[in-house]
């Protein structure tokens, strides 16, 4: 589904969640994602870091794009959330 079967790169996937609304719009997500990508690239020699946020999660997608991630492809009905399958974006950061 993700398309990385024959890719020889070192690939890591990450996921994070800031559930407390009072912590939104404070740069915490950007700091978290940038720090994790830096660690994976520098310490684990990652060639790519991937995520699959729901397409409706505009706040998260904006954060990830600020951190250097790019949309690769749409993953229809990829995640079961609150009883309904939701579309997601496959996004990646390439070293």
N, C-alpha and C. Protein backbone atom coordinates (compact mmCIF):
# COMPACT_ATOMS: atom_id res chain seq x y z
N UNK A 1 0.83 -1.20 0.00
CA UNK A 1 0.00 0.00 0.00
C UNK A 1 0.88 1.27 0.00
N UNK A 2 1.95 1.24 0.77
CA UNK A 2 2.80 2.43 0.88
C UNK A 2 3.79 2.51 -0.27
N UNK A 3 4.13 1.38 -0.87
CA UNK A 3 4.99 1.40 -2.05
C UNK A 3 6.48 1.33 -1.77
N UNK A 4 6.88 0.86 -0.61
CA UNK A 4 8.30 0.82 -0.27
C UNK A 4 8.90 -0.59 -0.29
N UNK A 5 8.23 -1.55 -0.89
CA UNK A 5 8.67 -2.94 -0.86
C UNK A 5 10.08 -3.09 -1.44
N UNK A 6 10.35 -2.51 -2.57
CA UNK A 6 11.64 -2.68 -3.24
C UNK A 6 12.57 -1.47 -3.08
N UNK A 7 12.28 -0.61 -2.12
CA UNK A 7 13.12 0.56 -1.88
C UNK A 7 14.22 0.16 -0.89
N UNK A 8 15.50 0.33 -1.28
CA UNK A 8 16.60 -0.11 -0.41
C UNK A 8 16.92 0.87 0.74
N UNK A 9 16.22 1.97 0.82
CA UNK A 9 16.49 2.99 1.83
C UNK A 9 16.19 2.50 3.24
N UNK A 10 16.82 3.15 4.22
CA UNK A 10 16.47 2.95 5.62
C UNK A 10 15.29 3.88 5.89
N UNK A 11 14.14 3.31 6.24
CA UNK A 11 12.90 4.07 6.38
C UNK A 11 12.34 3.90 7.79
N UNK A 12 11.99 5.01 8.41
CA UNK A 12 11.32 4.99 9.71
C UNK A 12 9.96 5.67 9.57
N UNK A 13 8.99 5.18 10.30
CA UNK A 13 7.69 5.82 10.39
C UNK A 13 7.51 6.38 11.78
N UNK A 14 6.90 7.56 11.87
CA UNK A 14 6.64 8.17 13.18
C UNK A 14 5.18 8.58 13.27
N UNK A 15 4.72 8.73 14.50
CA UNK A 15 3.36 9.18 14.77
C UNK A 15 3.39 9.89 16.11
N UNK A 16 2.62 10.91 16.25
CA UNK A 16 2.56 11.67 17.49
C UNK A 16 1.17 12.26 17.65
N UNK A 17 0.87 12.64 18.87
CA UNK A 17 -0.47 13.15 19.17
C UNK A 17 -0.37 14.15 20.31
N UNK A 18 -0.83 15.36 20.08
CA UNK A 18 -0.94 16.36 21.14
C UNK A 18 -2.43 16.54 21.38
N UNK A 19 -2.93 15.90 22.42
CA UNK A 19 -4.36 15.87 22.67
C UNK A 19 -4.89 17.05 23.45
N UNK A 20 -4.06 17.67 24.26
CA UNK A 20 -4.51 18.78 25.10
C UNK A 20 -4.55 20.07 24.28
N UNK A 21 -5.73 20.60 24.06
CA UNK A 21 -5.93 21.77 23.20
C UNK A 21 -5.10 22.97 23.66
N UNK A 22 -4.90 23.11 24.96
CA UNK A 22 -4.14 24.27 25.45
C UNK A 22 -2.67 24.24 25.00
N UNK A 23 -2.22 23.12 24.47
CA UNK A 23 -0.84 23.02 23.98
C UNK A 23 -0.75 23.20 22.46
N UNK A 24 -1.87 23.40 21.79
CA UNK A 24 -1.85 23.63 20.35
C UNK A 24 -1.34 25.05 20.07
N UNK A 25 -0.80 25.23 18.88
CA UNK A 25 -0.32 26.54 18.39
C UNK A 25 0.78 27.13 19.25
N UNK A 26 1.60 26.29 19.83
CA UNK A 26 2.73 26.75 20.64
C UNK A 26 4.07 26.29 20.07
N UNK A 27 4.05 25.63 18.92
CA UNK A 27 5.28 25.15 18.30
C UNK A 27 5.79 23.83 18.84
N UNK A 28 5.03 23.21 19.72
CA UNK A 28 5.46 21.95 20.33
C UNK A 28 5.54 20.83 19.28
N UNK A 29 4.53 20.75 18.43
CA UNK A 29 4.52 19.72 17.39
C UNK A 29 5.68 19.89 16.43
N UNK A 30 5.94 21.12 16.01
CA UNK A 30 7.05 21.38 15.10
C UNK A 30 8.37 21.00 15.75
N UNK A 31 8.57 21.39 17.00
CA UNK A 31 9.80 21.04 17.72
C UNK A 31 9.93 19.52 17.85
N UNK A 32 8.85 18.85 18.19
CA UNK A 32 8.86 17.41 18.34
C UNK A 32 9.24 16.72 17.03
N UNK A 33 8.57 17.08 15.94
CA UNK A 33 8.80 16.43 14.66
C UNK A 33 10.21 16.72 14.15
N UNK A 34 10.64 17.98 14.20
CA UNK A 34 12.00 18.32 13.74
C UNK A 34 13.05 17.57 14.54
N UNK A 35 12.86 17.49 15.84
CA UNK A 35 13.82 16.79 16.70
C UNK A 35 13.87 15.30 16.38
N UNK A 36 12.73 14.70 16.18
CA UNK A 36 12.69 13.27 15.89
C UNK A 36 13.31 12.97 14.53
N UNK A 37 13.01 13.77 13.53
CA UNK A 37 13.59 13.58 12.20
C UNK A 37 15.11 13.74 12.28
N UNK A 38 15.57 14.76 12.97
CA UNK A 38 17.01 14.98 13.13
C UNK A 38 17.67 13.76 13.79
N UNK A 39 17.06 13.24 14.85
CA UNK A 39 17.60 12.06 15.52
C UNK A 39 17.65 10.87 14.58
N UNK A 40 16.57 10.61 13.86
CA UNK A 40 16.53 9.45 12.97
C UNK A 40 17.54 9.56 11.83
N UNK A 41 17.70 10.74 11.27
CA UNK A 41 18.65 10.93 10.18
C UNK A 41 20.09 10.84 10.70
N UNK A 42 20.38 11.54 11.79
CA UNK A 42 21.76 11.61 12.29
C UNK A 42 22.19 10.37 13.07
N UNK A 43 21.32 9.84 13.91
CA UNK A 43 21.70 8.72 14.78
C UNK A 43 21.36 7.35 14.20
N UNK A 44 20.32 7.27 13.41
CA UNK A 44 19.87 5.99 12.87
C UNK A 44 20.08 5.88 11.36
N UNK A 45 20.70 6.90 10.75
CA UNK A 45 21.02 6.93 9.32
C UNK A 45 19.78 6.73 8.44
N UNK A 46 18.66 7.26 8.88
CA UNK A 46 17.43 7.16 8.08
C UNK A 46 17.59 7.92 6.76
N UNK A 47 17.13 7.29 5.69
CA UNK A 47 17.09 7.96 4.39
C UNK A 47 15.75 8.66 4.19
N UNK A 48 14.70 8.07 4.81
CA UNK A 48 13.36 8.62 4.71
C UNK A 48 12.65 8.45 6.06
N UNK A 49 11.77 9.39 6.32
CA UNK A 49 10.87 9.29 7.47
C UNK A 49 9.47 9.49 6.90
N UNK A 50 8.55 8.60 7.26
CA UNK A 50 7.21 8.66 6.67
C UNK A 50 6.14 8.76 7.75
N UNK A 51 5.01 9.31 7.37
CA UNK A 51 3.82 9.39 8.22
C UNK A 51 2.59 9.28 7.33
N UNK A 52 1.43 9.04 7.98
CA UNK A 52 0.19 8.94 7.22
C UNK A 52 -0.95 9.65 7.95
N UNK A 53 -0.88 10.99 8.05
CA UNK A 53 -1.95 11.73 8.74
C UNK A 53 -3.26 11.70 7.95
N UNK A 54 -4.35 11.78 8.69
CA UNK A 54 -5.66 11.87 8.04
C UNK A 54 -5.72 13.16 7.22
N UNK A 55 -6.35 13.10 6.07
CA UNK A 55 -6.42 14.26 5.19
C UNK A 55 -7.14 15.44 5.84
N UNK A 56 -8.02 15.16 6.77
CA UNK A 56 -8.78 16.22 7.44
C UNK A 56 -7.98 16.92 8.55
N UNK A 57 -6.82 16.39 8.89
CA UNK A 57 -6.01 16.96 9.98
C UNK A 57 -5.08 18.04 9.42
N UNK A 58 -5.69 19.15 9.04
CA UNK A 58 -4.96 20.25 8.39
C UNK A 58 -3.86 20.81 9.29
N UNK A 59 -4.12 20.92 10.58
CA UNK A 59 -3.14 21.46 11.52
C UNK A 59 -1.86 20.61 11.51
N UNK A 60 -2.03 19.30 11.60
CA UNK A 60 -0.88 18.40 11.61
C UNK A 60 -0.14 18.44 10.27
N UNK A 61 -0.87 18.41 9.18
CA UNK A 61 -0.24 18.41 7.86
C UNK A 61 0.58 19.68 7.66
N UNK A 62 0.06 20.80 8.10
CA UNK A 62 0.81 22.07 8.01
C UNK A 62 2.10 21.98 8.82
N UNK A 63 2.04 21.43 10.00
CA UNK A 63 3.22 21.24 10.84
C UNK A 63 4.25 20.36 10.12
N UNK A 64 3.81 19.25 9.57
CA UNK A 64 4.72 18.33 8.92
C UNK A 64 5.36 18.95 7.69
N UNK A 65 4.58 19.72 6.94
CA UNK A 65 5.14 20.38 5.76
C UNK A 65 6.17 21.44 6.18
N UNK A 66 5.93 22.13 7.29
CA UNK A 66 6.94 23.08 7.81
C UNK A 66 8.23 22.37 8.16
N UNK A 67 8.13 21.11 8.52
CA UNK A 67 9.30 20.32 8.93
C UNK A 67 9.98 19.62 7.75
N UNK A 68 9.51 19.87 6.54
CA UNK A 68 10.17 19.33 5.36
C UNK A 68 9.52 18.10 4.74
N UNK A 69 8.37 17.67 5.26
CA UNK A 69 7.67 16.53 4.68
C UNK A 69 6.90 16.98 3.44
N UNK A 70 6.77 16.06 2.48
CA UNK A 70 6.00 16.31 1.27
C UNK A 70 4.99 15.20 1.07
N UNK A 71 3.85 15.56 0.51
CA UNK A 71 2.80 14.58 0.22
C UNK A 71 3.26 13.69 -0.94
N UNK A 72 3.07 12.38 -0.76
CA UNK A 72 3.47 11.42 -1.78
C UNK A 72 2.25 10.88 -2.51
N UNK A 73 1.27 10.38 -1.73
CA UNK A 73 0.07 9.86 -2.38
C UNK A 73 -1.06 9.75 -1.36
N UNK A 74 -2.27 9.74 -1.89
CA UNK A 74 -3.47 9.58 -1.08
C UNK A 74 -3.66 8.09 -0.76
N UNK A 75 -4.00 7.82 0.50
CA UNK A 75 -4.29 6.47 0.95
C UNK A 75 -5.77 6.41 1.33
N UNK A 76 -6.64 6.04 0.39
CA UNK A 76 -8.09 6.05 0.66
C UNK A 76 -8.47 5.06 1.76
N UNK A 77 -9.34 5.53 2.65
CA UNK A 77 -9.89 4.68 3.72
C UNK A 77 -8.79 3.91 4.46
N UNK A 78 -7.74 4.60 4.83
CA UNK A 78 -6.55 3.98 5.41
C UNK A 78 -6.63 3.75 6.92
N UNK A 79 -7.40 4.58 7.63
CA UNK A 79 -7.38 4.50 9.09
C UNK A 79 -8.80 4.48 9.65
N UNK A 80 -9.03 3.50 10.53
CA UNK A 80 -10.32 3.44 11.22
C UNK A 80 -10.27 4.40 12.40
N UNK A 81 -11.14 5.40 12.38
CA UNK A 81 -11.16 6.44 13.42
C UNK A 81 -12.61 6.73 13.78
N UNK A 82 -12.94 6.55 15.04
CA UNK A 82 -14.29 6.79 15.54
C UNK A 82 -15.35 6.06 14.70
N UNK A 83 -15.05 4.79 14.39
CA UNK A 83 -16.01 3.95 13.70
C UNK A 83 -16.12 4.14 12.20
N UNK A 84 -15.24 4.96 11.61
CA UNK A 84 -15.31 5.25 10.19
C UNK A 84 -13.90 5.21 9.60
N UNK A 85 -13.77 4.62 8.39
CA UNK A 85 -12.48 4.62 7.72
C UNK A 85 -12.23 5.99 7.11
N UNK A 86 -11.04 6.53 7.35
CA UNK A 86 -10.68 7.88 6.90
C UNK A 86 -9.54 7.83 5.89
N UNK A 87 -9.57 8.77 4.95
CA UNK A 87 -8.48 8.93 3.99
C UNK A 87 -7.28 9.55 4.70
N UNK A 88 -6.10 9.14 4.26
CA UNK A 88 -4.86 9.68 4.81
C UNK A 88 -3.93 10.07 3.66
N UNK A 89 -2.97 10.90 3.97
CA UNK A 89 -1.89 11.21 3.05
C UNK A 89 -0.67 10.41 3.47
N UNK A 90 0.01 9.79 2.52
CA UNK A 90 1.35 9.28 2.77
C UNK A 90 2.26 10.47 2.55
N UNK A 91 3.00 10.85 3.57
CA UNK A 91 3.93 11.96 3.44
C UNK A 91 5.31 11.46 3.84
N UNK A 92 6.36 12.09 3.27
CA UNK A 92 7.69 11.65 3.59
C UNK A 92 8.68 12.80 3.64
N UNK A 93 9.68 12.58 4.46
CA UNK A 93 10.85 13.46 4.55
C UNK A 93 11.98 12.64 3.96
N UNK A 94 12.67 13.18 2.97
CA UNK A 94 13.80 12.50 2.37
C UNK A 94 15.05 13.28 2.69
N UNK A 95 16.02 12.56 3.21
CA UNK A 95 17.32 13.15 3.59
C UNK A 95 17.99 13.78 2.41
